[in-house]
Each structure stands twice: as structure tokens, then as C-alpha cells.
């Protein structure tokens, strides 16, 4: 028996009869999409890694930059990941409950859209403030994140090299 603050004892029966079976049934329902959730998490962590690498390159080119990722940016990436996971979970629930199809069509579309968004962000981070030939080529298509996220203009610094 487990005492609580009011002196009433809660038995393990509540835990065994209601809470554990509910948690296990939710996990069982969402088990087929764990790979989609893992993919979203992996791509978000990859984007954070490439952003960190960009901050180091910006610091080498411009001493005013801190060269560090701030907790605000990590928090924003975590919130984006949480929102993406909620969308994937909701898409799966719509597939199973409303549309009642088993091939997870909507789940794959939502996960694919998030994956494309994160891959483009990784490419933008990898090509920004990078002097390699492939990066200069990619910058003709992609956004330069060094000036947008780190408040520095590196156009004149890169032209010197």
C-alpha cells in the first residue's frame, strides 16, 4: 500500500488495473510508427549537429560570432521535433481510426514532408559559410543561414578567399 498526503492509502490495484494496461495499450497502438518517430528525431539531431558546425565556421570567419549553439535554438529544435512527432502520431491515428487503412499512407506523407524539410535545412547549414565548390554551387539554390541566424554578413569575407 502506498500512502498519500491525505492519509488515504492507494493500493497497487489502481496501478495494476488501470494505469499500466492503459499505457501498454497506447504503446501497442503506436508501435508500428516508432521507426517514423525515430527518423524524425534522428533528422532533427542531424540538423542540430550541422547548425553547430556552421556556428564554428562562422566564428572562424567572424570573431564577433559566439560560435556556440544557444539554449534558445536547442529549445526551438526540440519544440519542432515535438510538434512533428505529434503530427506523425495524429496522422497515424487518422489512418487507423478514421480512414481505416493499414498501409499508413497519411503517416508516410507527414513523415516524408518533415524529412525533406530537415534534409534541406541540413544542406543549408552544411553549405553556409563553406568555401568548398559543392557548397558554393548549393548556395545558388539554398539559403545562406550564416547571416540569418548568426547576425553576421560573410559575403565579403568569402569573396576574399
N, C-alpha and C. Protein backbone atom coordinates (compact mmCIF):
# COMPACT_ATOMS: atom_id res chain seq x y z
N UNK A 1 0.83 -1.18 0.00
CA UNK A 1 0.00 0.00 0.00
C UNK A 1 0.88 1.25 0.00
N UNK A 2 0.43 2.26 -0.73
CA UNK A 2 1.19 3.49 -0.88
C UNK A 2 0.42 4.62 -0.20
N UNK A 3 1.02 5.27 0.84
CA UNK A 3 0.30 6.38 1.47
C UNK A 3 0.41 7.64 0.63
N UNK A 4 -0.64 8.48 0.67
CA UNK A 4 -0.57 9.78 0.03
C UNK A 4 -0.68 10.87 1.09
N UNK A 5 -0.75 12.14 0.71
CA UNK A 5 -0.72 13.24 1.67
C UNK A 5 -1.97 13.31 2.53
N UNK A 6 -3.09 12.81 2.09
CA UNK A 6 -4.32 12.91 2.88
C UNK A 6 -4.46 11.75 3.86
N UNK A 7 -3.54 10.82 3.83
CA UNK A 7 -3.61 9.69 4.74
C UNK A 7 -4.37 8.52 4.16
N UNK A 8 -4.91 8.68 2.96
CA UNK A 8 -5.62 7.58 2.31
C UNK A 8 -4.57 6.73 1.59
N UNK A 9 -4.71 5.45 1.73
CA UNK A 9 -3.74 4.55 1.11
C UNK A 9 -4.24 4.13 -0.27
N UNK A 10 -3.36 4.33 -1.26
CA UNK A 10 -3.66 3.86 -2.61
C UNK A 10 -3.03 2.49 -2.77
N UNK A 11 -3.79 1.57 -3.22
CA UNK A 11 -3.23 0.24 -3.41
C UNK A 11 -2.60 0.13 -4.78
N UNK A 12 -1.80 -0.88 -4.95
CA UNK A 12 -1.19 -1.13 -6.24
C UNK A 12 -2.23 -1.61 -7.24
N UNK A 13 -3.46 -1.89 -6.76
CA UNK A 13 -4.51 -2.34 -7.66
C UNK A 13 -4.83 -1.29 -8.72
N UNK A 14 -4.84 0.00 -8.33
CA UNK A 14 -5.12 1.06 -9.30
C UNK A 14 -4.04 1.08 -10.37
N UNK A 15 -2.82 0.96 -9.93
CA UNK A 15 -1.70 0.95 -10.86
C UNK A 15 -1.78 -0.27 -11.78
N UNK A 16 -2.02 -1.43 -11.21
CA UNK A 16 -2.05 -2.68 -11.98
C UNK A 16 -3.30 -2.81 -12.85
N UNK A 17 -4.42 -2.30 -12.38
CA UNK A 17 -5.67 -2.48 -13.12
C UNK A 17 -5.90 -1.42 -14.19
N UNK A 18 -5.42 -0.20 -13.98
CA UNK A 18 -5.79 0.89 -14.88
C UNK A 18 -4.61 1.56 -15.59
N UNK A 19 -3.61 1.96 -14.83
CA UNK A 19 -2.56 2.79 -15.40
C UNK A 19 -1.63 2.00 -16.32
N UNK A 20 -1.11 0.88 -15.86
CA UNK A 20 -0.19 0.08 -16.68
C UNK A 20 -0.88 -0.47 -17.92
N UNK A 21 -2.08 -1.04 -17.83
CA UNK A 21 -2.73 -1.50 -19.07
C UNK A 21 -3.03 -0.37 -20.06
N UNK A 22 -3.40 0.79 -19.56
CA UNK A 22 -3.65 1.93 -20.45
C UNK A 22 -2.38 2.35 -21.17
N UNK A 23 -1.29 2.45 -20.43
CA UNK A 23 -0.01 2.84 -21.04
C UNK A 23 0.45 1.80 -22.07
N UNK A 24 0.30 0.53 -21.74
CA UNK A 24 0.71 -0.52 -22.67
C UNK A 24 -0.18 -0.56 -23.92
N UNK A 25 -1.46 -0.28 -23.75
CA UNK A 25 -2.33 -0.29 -24.93
C UNK A 25 -2.02 0.89 -25.85
N UNK A 26 -1.67 2.04 -25.29
CA UNK A 26 -1.27 3.19 -26.12
C UNK A 26 0.03 2.88 -26.85
N UNK A 27 0.99 2.28 -26.15
CA UNK A 27 2.26 1.91 -26.79
C UNK A 27 2.05 0.85 -27.88
N UNK A 28 1.16 -0.08 -27.65
CA UNK A 28 0.87 -1.11 -28.64
C UNK A 28 0.21 -0.51 -29.87
N UNK A 29 -0.67 0.45 -29.66
CA UNK A 29 -1.34 1.09 -30.79
C UNK A 29 -0.34 1.84 -31.67
N UNK A 30 0.61 2.55 -31.04
CA UNK A 30 1.56 3.36 -31.79
C UNK A 30 2.86 2.63 -32.12
N UNK A 31 3.00 1.37 -31.79
CA UNK A 31 4.24 0.63 -32.04
C UNK A 31 4.64 0.59 -33.51
N UNK A 32 3.73 0.46 -34.48
CA UNK A 32 4.17 0.40 -35.88
C UNK A 32 4.83 1.67 -36.40
N UNK A 33 4.67 2.80 -35.74
CA UNK A 33 5.26 4.03 -36.27
C UNK A 33 6.48 4.49 -35.48
N UNK A 34 7.00 3.65 -34.62
CA UNK A 34 8.20 4.03 -33.86
C UNK A 34 9.37 4.35 -34.79
N UNK A 35 9.47 3.66 -35.92
CA UNK A 35 10.55 3.93 -36.86
C UNK A 35 10.40 5.32 -37.47
N UNK A 36 9.17 5.76 -37.70
CA UNK A 36 8.94 7.10 -38.23
C UNK A 36 9.32 8.17 -37.21
N UNK A 37 8.99 7.91 -35.95
CA UNK A 37 9.35 8.84 -34.88
C UNK A 37 10.86 8.89 -34.70
N UNK A 38 11.52 7.73 -34.81
CA UNK A 38 12.98 7.69 -34.70
C UNK A 38 13.64 8.43 -35.86
N UNK A 39 13.07 8.31 -37.05
CA UNK A 39 13.59 9.03 -38.21
C UNK A 39 13.48 10.54 -38.00
N UNK A 40 12.35 10.99 -37.51
CA UNK A 40 12.17 12.42 -37.24
C UNK A 40 13.17 12.91 -36.20
N UNK A 41 13.37 12.13 -35.15
CA UNK A 41 14.32 12.52 -34.11
C UNK A 41 15.75 12.54 -34.66
N UNK A 42 16.11 11.54 -35.43
CA UNK A 42 17.46 11.49 -35.99
C UNK A 42 17.75 12.66 -36.92
N UNK A 43 16.79 13.00 -37.75
CA UNK A 43 16.99 14.14 -38.66
C UNK A 43 17.05 15.46 -37.91
N UNK A 44 16.30 15.59 -36.83
CA UNK A 44 16.38 16.81 -36.03
C UNK A 44 17.74 16.92 -35.36
N UNK A 45 18.25 15.81 -34.83
CA UNK A 45 19.58 15.84 -34.21
C UNK A 45 20.66 16.12 -35.25
N UNK A 46 20.50 15.58 -36.46
CA UNK A 46 21.46 15.86 -37.53
C UNK A 46 21.44 17.35 -37.88
N UNK A 47 20.27 17.95 -37.93
CA UNK A 47 20.17 19.37 -38.22
C UNK A 47 20.85 20.20 -37.13
N UNK A 48 20.67 19.80 -35.88
CA UNK A 48 21.36 20.50 -34.78
C UNK A 48 22.88 20.37 -34.91
N UNK A 49 23.35 19.20 -35.31
CA UNK A 49 24.78 18.99 -35.49
C UNK A 49 25.32 19.89 -36.61
N UNK A 50 24.63 19.95 -37.73
CA UNK A 50 25.08 20.79 -38.84
C UNK A 50 25.00 22.27 -38.48
N UNK A 51 24.02 22.66 -37.67
CA UNK A 51 23.94 24.05 -37.21
C UNK A 51 25.12 24.37 -36.29
N UNK A 52 25.49 23.43 -35.46
CA UNK A 52 26.65 23.63 -34.58
C UNK A 52 27.92 23.78 -35.39
N UNK A 53 28.08 22.94 -36.42
CA UNK A 53 29.25 23.03 -37.31
C UNK A 53 29.27 24.39 -38.03
N UNK A 54 28.10 24.87 -38.43
CA UNK A 54 28.02 26.18 -39.07
C UNK A 54 28.45 27.27 -38.11
N UNK A 55 28.04 27.18 -36.85
CA UNK A 55 28.42 28.21 -35.89
C UNK A 55 29.94 28.25 -35.70
N UNK A 56 30.59 27.09 -35.77
CA UNK A 56 32.05 27.05 -35.65
C UNK A 56 32.70 27.70 -36.87
N UNK A 57 32.18 27.42 -38.07
CA UNK A 57 32.73 28.05 -39.28
C UNK A 57 32.53 29.56 -39.26
N UNK A 58 31.37 30.01 -38.79
CA UNK A 58 31.11 31.45 -38.71
C UNK A 58 32.05 32.11 -37.73
N UNK A 59 32.33 31.46 -36.61
CA UNK A 59 33.25 32.02 -35.61
C UNK A 59 34.65 32.17 -36.19
N UNK A 60 35.09 31.21 -37.01
CA UNK A 60 36.41 31.30 -37.62
C UNK A 60 36.49 32.46 -38.61
N UNK A 61 35.39 32.75 -39.30
CA UNK A 61 35.38 33.82 -40.28
C UNK A 61 35.11 35.19 -39.68
N UNK A 62 34.36 35.22 -38.58
CA UNK A 62 33.99 36.48 -37.96
C UNK A 62 34.10 36.33 -36.45
N UNK A 63 35.01 37.07 -35.86
CA UNK A 63 35.28 36.92 -34.42
C UNK A 63 34.15 37.45 -33.55
N UNK A 64 33.22 38.22 -34.11
CA UNK A 64 32.10 38.73 -33.32
C UNK A 64 31.11 37.63 -32.95
N UNK A 65 31.09 36.57 -33.75
CA UNK A 65 30.16 35.48 -33.51
C UNK A 65 30.63 34.66 -32.31
N UNK A 66 29.67 34.10 -31.60
CA UNK A 66 29.99 33.30 -30.41
C UNK A 66 30.52 31.92 -30.75
N UNK A 67 30.06 31.34 -31.84
CA UNK A 67 30.50 30.01 -32.22
C UNK A 67 29.87 28.91 -31.38
N UNK A 68 28.76 29.21 -30.76
CA UNK A 68 28.08 28.22 -29.91
C UNK A 68 26.60 28.19 -30.26
N UNK A 69 25.99 27.07 -30.00
CA UNK A 69 24.53 26.98 -30.10
C UNK A 69 23.93 27.46 -28.80
N UNK A 70 22.92 28.27 -28.89
CA UNK A 70 22.29 28.76 -27.67
C UNK A 70 21.19 27.79 -27.22
N UNK A 71 20.86 27.87 -25.97
CA UNK A 71 19.80 27.01 -25.45
C UNK A 71 18.47 27.35 -26.09
N UNK A 72 18.31 28.61 -26.50
CA UNK A 72 17.08 29.02 -27.18
C UNK A 72 16.91 28.25 -28.49
N UNK A 73 17.99 28.10 -29.24
CA UNK A 73 17.91 27.39 -30.52
C UNK A 73 17.69 25.89 -30.31
N UNK A 74 18.30 25.34 -29.29
CA UNK A 74 18.07 23.92 -28.98
C UNK A 74 16.63 23.71 -28.54
N UNK A 75 16.11 24.64 -27.74
CA UNK A 75 14.71 24.55 -27.30
C UNK A 75 13.76 24.63 -28.50
N UNK A 76 14.08 25.52 -29.44
CA UNK A 76 13.25 25.64 -30.64
C UNK A 76 13.29 24.36 -31.47
N UNK A 77 14.46 23.75 -31.58
CA UNK A 77 14.57 22.49 -32.33
C UNK A 77 13.80 21.38 -31.61
N UNK A 78 13.85 21.37 -30.29
CA UNK A 78 13.11 20.36 -29.52
C UNK A 78 11.61 20.56 -29.69
N UNK A 79 11.16 21.79 -29.67
CA UNK A 79 9.73 22.06 -29.89
C UNK A 79 9.30 21.64 -31.29
N UNK A 80 10.15 21.91 -32.29
CA UNK A 80 9.84 21.47 -33.65
C UNK A 80 9.74 19.96 -33.73
N UNK A 81 10.65 19.26 -33.06
CA UNK A 81 10.61 17.80 -33.05
C UNK A 81 9.34 17.31 -32.37
N UNK A 82 8.98 17.91 -31.25
CA UNK A 82 7.77 17.52 -30.53
C UNK A 82 6.53 17.72 -31.40
N UNK A 83 6.47 18.86 -32.10
CA UNK A 83 5.34 19.13 -32.99
C UNK A 83 5.29 18.13 -34.14
N UNK A 84 6.45 17.80 -34.69
CA UNK A 84 6.50 16.82 -35.78
C UNK A 84 6.03 15.45 -35.29
N UNK A 85 6.45 15.07 -34.09
CA UNK A 85 6.03 13.78 -33.55
C UNK A 85 4.53 13.76 -33.29
N UNK A 86 3.98 14.87 -32.81
CA UNK A 86 2.53 14.94 -32.61
C UNK A 86 1.79 14.82 -33.94
N UNK A 87 2.31 15.46 -34.99
CA UNK A 87 1.69 15.35 -36.31
C UNK A 87 1.76 13.92 -36.84
N UNK A 88 2.88 13.25 -36.62
CA UNK A 88 3.02 11.86 -37.07
C UNK A 88 2.05 10.96 -36.31
N UNK A 89 1.95 11.17 -35.00
CA UNK A 89 1.01 10.38 -34.19
C UNK A 89 -0.43 10.64 -34.62
N UNK A 90 -0.76 11.90 -34.87
CA UNK A 90 -2.12 12.23 -35.31
C UNK A 90 -2.42 11.65 -36.69
N UNK A 91 -1.45 11.70 -37.58
CA UNK A 91 -1.64 11.13 -38.92
C UNK A 91 -1.87 9.63 -38.84
N UNK A 92 -1.14 8.97 -37.97
CA UNK A 92 -1.33 7.52 -37.80
C UNK A 92 -2.71 7.22 -37.22
N UNK A 93 -3.13 8.02 -36.25
CA UNK A 93 -4.46 7.81 -35.66
C UNK A 93 -5.55 8.03 -36.71
N UNK A 94 -5.38 9.04 -37.56
CA UNK A 94 -6.36 9.27 -38.63
C UNK A 94 -6.36 8.10 -39.60
N UNK A 95 -5.18 7.61 -39.95
CA UNK A 95 -5.08 6.44 -40.85
C UNK A 95 -5.82 5.23 -40.27
N UNK A 96 -5.61 4.97 -39.00
CA UNK A 96 -6.16 3.75 -38.39
C UNK A 96 -7.62 3.88 -37.99
N UNK A 97 -8.02 5.04 -37.47
CA UNK A 97 -9.36 5.17 -36.91
C UNK A 97 -10.36 5.73 -37.91
N UNK A 98 -9.99 6.79 -38.61
CA UNK A 98 -10.95 7.45 -39.50
C UNK A 98 -10.94 6.83 -40.89
N UNK A 99 -9.77 6.80 -41.52
CA UNK A 99 -9.69 6.28 -42.88
C UNK A 99 -9.71 4.75 -42.89
N UNK A 100 -9.20 4.14 -41.86
CA UNK A 100 -9.17 2.69 -41.66
C UNK A 100 -8.42 1.95 -42.77
N UNK A 101 -7.20 2.44 -43.02
CA UNK A 101 -6.31 1.72 -43.93
C UNK A 101 -5.05 1.33 -43.16
N UNK A 102 -4.45 0.24 -43.56
CA UNK A 102 -3.32 -0.29 -42.80
C UNK A 102 -1.95 0.06 -43.37
N UNK A 103 -1.89 0.68 -44.55
CA UNK A 103 -0.57 0.94 -45.12
C UNK A 103 0.02 2.28 -44.68
N UNK A 104 -0.59 2.95 -43.76
CA UNK A 104 -0.09 4.19 -43.15
C UNK A 104 0.22 5.26 -44.20
N UNK A 105 -0.68 5.48 -45.11
CA UNK A 105 -0.49 6.43 -46.20
C UNK A 105 -0.24 7.85 -45.69
N UNK A 106 -1.13 8.36 -44.85
CA UNK A 106 -1.00 9.72 -44.33
C UNK A 106 0.23 9.85 -43.43
N UNK A 107 0.52 8.82 -42.67
CA UNK A 107 1.70 8.83 -41.80
C UNK A 107 2.97 8.96 -42.62
N UNK A 108 3.04 8.24 -43.73
CA UNK A 108 4.22 8.32 -44.59
C UNK A 108 4.35 9.69 -45.24
N UNK A 109 3.24 10.31 -45.61
CA UNK A 109 3.28 11.64 -46.22
C UNK A 109 3.79 12.67 -45.21
N UNK A 110 3.26 12.64 -43.99
CA UNK A 110 3.67 13.61 -42.97
C UNK A 110 5.14 13.41 -42.61
N UNK A 111 5.55 12.17 -42.43
CA UNK A 111 6.95 11.90 -42.10
C UNK A 111 7.87 12.29 -43.24
N UNK A 112 7.46 12.01 -44.47
CA UNK A 112 8.26 12.38 -45.62
C UNK A 112 8.41 13.88 -45.78
N UNK A 113 7.35 14.62 -45.54
CA UNK A 113 7.42 16.08 -45.62
C UNK A 113 8.37 16.64 -44.57
N UNK A 114 8.30 16.11 -43.36
CA UNK A 114 9.21 16.56 -42.30
C UNK A 114 10.65 16.18 -42.63
N UNK A 115 10.84 14.99 -43.18
CA UNK A 115 12.19 14.54 -43.53
C UNK A 115 12.79 15.43 -44.61
N UNK A 116 12.02 15.77 -45.62
CA UNK A 116 12.52 16.65 -46.68
C UNK A 116 12.87 18.03 -46.13
N UNK A 117 12.02 18.54 -45.25
CA UNK A 117 12.29 19.84 -44.63
C UNK A 117 13.60 19.81 -43.83
N UNK A 118 13.81 18.77 -43.05
CA UNK A 118 15.02 18.66 -42.24
C UNK A 118 16.26 18.43 -43.10
N UNK A 119 16.13 17.64 -44.16
CA UNK A 119 17.28 17.41 -45.04
C UNK A 119 17.69 18.70 -45.75
N UNK A 120 16.73 19.50 -46.18
CA UNK A 120 17.05 20.79 -46.80
C UNK A 120 17.73 21.70 -45.79
N UNK A 121 17.25 21.69 -44.56
CA UNK A 121 17.87 22.50 -43.51
C UNK A 121 19.30 22.04 -43.25
N UNK A 122 19.53 20.73 -43.24
CA UNK A 122 20.89 20.21 -43.06
C UNK A 122 21.79 20.66 -44.20
N UNK A 123 21.29 20.60 -45.43
CA UNK A 123 22.08 21.05 -46.58
C UNK A 123 22.37 22.55 -46.50
N UNK A 124 21.40 23.34 -46.07
CA UNK A 124 21.62 24.77 -45.91
C UNK A 124 22.70 25.04 -44.88
N UNK A 125 22.64 24.33 -43.75
CA UNK A 125 23.65 24.50 -42.71
C UNK A 125 25.03 24.05 -43.19
N UNK A 126 25.07 22.95 -43.92
CA UNK A 126 26.36 22.41 -44.37
C UNK A 126 26.99 23.30 -45.44
N UNK A 127 26.19 23.96 -46.26
CA UNK A 127 26.74 24.76 -47.35
C UNK A 127 27.00 26.21 -46.98
N UNK A 128 26.40 26.69 -45.90
CA UNK A 128 26.59 28.08 -45.49
C UNK A 128 27.99 28.27 -44.92
N UNK A 129 28.63 29.40 -45.27
CA UNK A 129 29.97 29.76 -44.80
C UNK A 129 30.97 28.64 -45.07
N UNK A 130 30.80 27.99 -46.20
CA UNK A 130 31.66 26.88 -46.57
C UNK A 130 32.29 27.23 -47.91
N UNK A 131 33.59 27.13 -48.01
CA UNK A 131 34.29 27.51 -49.22
C UNK A 131 34.41 26.42 -50.26
N UNK A 132 33.91 25.23 -49.99
CA UNK A 132 34.02 24.14 -50.96
C UNK A 132 33.21 24.42 -52.21
N UNK A 133 33.61 23.77 -53.29
CA UNK A 133 32.96 24.01 -54.58
C UNK A 133 31.49 23.57 -54.54
N UNK A 134 31.21 22.41 -53.94
CA UNK A 134 29.83 21.93 -53.87
C UNK A 134 28.97 22.89 -53.05
N UNK A 135 29.56 23.50 -52.02
CA UNK A 135 28.80 24.42 -51.16
C UNK A 135 28.46 25.70 -51.90
N UNK A 136 29.41 26.22 -52.68
CA UNK A 136 29.13 27.42 -53.46
C UNK A 136 28.04 27.14 -54.50
N UNK A 137 28.08 25.95 -55.07
CA UNK A 137 27.05 25.55 -56.04
C UNK A 137 25.69 25.44 -55.35
N UNK A 138 25.68 24.85 -54.16
CA UNK A 138 24.43 24.68 -53.42
C UNK A 138 23.86 26.02 -52.95
N UNK A 139 24.73 26.99 -52.68
CA UNK A 139 24.27 28.29 -52.22
C UNK A 139 23.53 29.07 -53.29
N UNK A 140 23.66 28.66 -54.55
CA UNK A 140 22.89 29.29 -55.61
C UNK A 140 21.42 28.91 -55.51
N UNK A 141 21.15 27.76 -54.86
CA UNK A 141 19.78 27.26 -54.72
C UNK A 141 19.27 27.46 -53.29
N UNK A 142 20.12 27.22 -52.31
CA UNK A 142 19.72 27.21 -50.91
C UNK A 142 19.95 28.56 -50.25
N UNK A 143 19.39 28.72 -49.04
CA UNK A 143 19.52 29.94 -48.26
C UNK A 143 20.83 29.89 -47.48
N UNK A 144 21.49 31.05 -47.38
CA UNK A 144 22.70 31.15 -46.55
C UNK A 144 22.27 31.44 -45.12
N UNK A 145 22.44 30.48 -44.25
CA UNK A 145 21.97 30.64 -42.87
C UNK A 145 22.94 31.40 -41.99
N UNK A 146 24.16 31.62 -42.44
CA UNK A 146 25.14 32.29 -41.58
C UNK A 146 24.71 33.72 -41.26
N UNK A 147 24.22 34.45 -42.24
CA UNK A 147 23.81 35.82 -41.97
C UNK A 147 22.46 35.88 -41.27
N UNK A 148 21.60 34.93 -41.56
CA UNK A 148 20.26 34.96 -40.97
C UNK A 148 20.26 34.56 -39.50
N UNK A 149 21.04 33.54 -39.13
CA UNK A 149 20.98 33.03 -37.75
C UNK A 149 22.06 33.59 -36.83
N UNK A 150 23.16 34.05 -37.40
CA UNK A 150 24.26 34.49 -36.55
C UNK A 150 24.54 35.98 -36.66
N UNK A 151 23.67 36.73 -37.35
CA UNK A 151 23.73 38.19 -37.45
C UNK A 151 25.09 38.70 -37.92
N UNK A 152 25.68 38.04 -38.89
CA UNK A 152 26.92 38.49 -39.48
C UNK A 152 26.80 38.39 -41.00
N UNK A 153 27.47 39.30 -41.69
CA UNK A 153 27.47 39.26 -43.15
C UNK A 153 28.83 38.72 -43.60
N UNK A 154 28.83 37.54 -44.16
CA UNK A 154 30.08 36.89 -44.54
C UNK A 154 30.34 36.94 -46.04
N UNK A 155 29.53 37.65 -46.79
CA UNK A 155 29.71 37.68 -48.24
C UNK A 155 31.08 38.24 -48.63
N UNK A 156 31.48 39.35 -48.00
CA UNK A 156 32.77 39.93 -48.34
C UNK A 156 33.93 39.07 -47.83
N UNK A 157 33.78 38.37 -46.74
CA UNK A 157 34.83 37.51 -46.21
C UNK A 157 35.06 36.30 -47.12
N UNK A 158 33.98 35.73 -47.69
CA UNK A 158 34.11 34.57 -48.55
C UNK A 158 34.68 34.95 -49.89
N UNK A 159 34.40 36.16 -50.38
CA UNK A 159 34.92 36.58 -51.67
C UNK A 159 36.43 36.76 -51.64
N UNK A 160 36.97 37.05 -50.44
CA UNK A 160 38.42 37.23 -50.32
C UNK A 160 39.18 35.94 -50.52
N UNK A 161 38.57 34.81 -50.22
CA UNK A 161 39.28 33.52 -50.27
C UNK A 161 39.38 32.98 -51.65
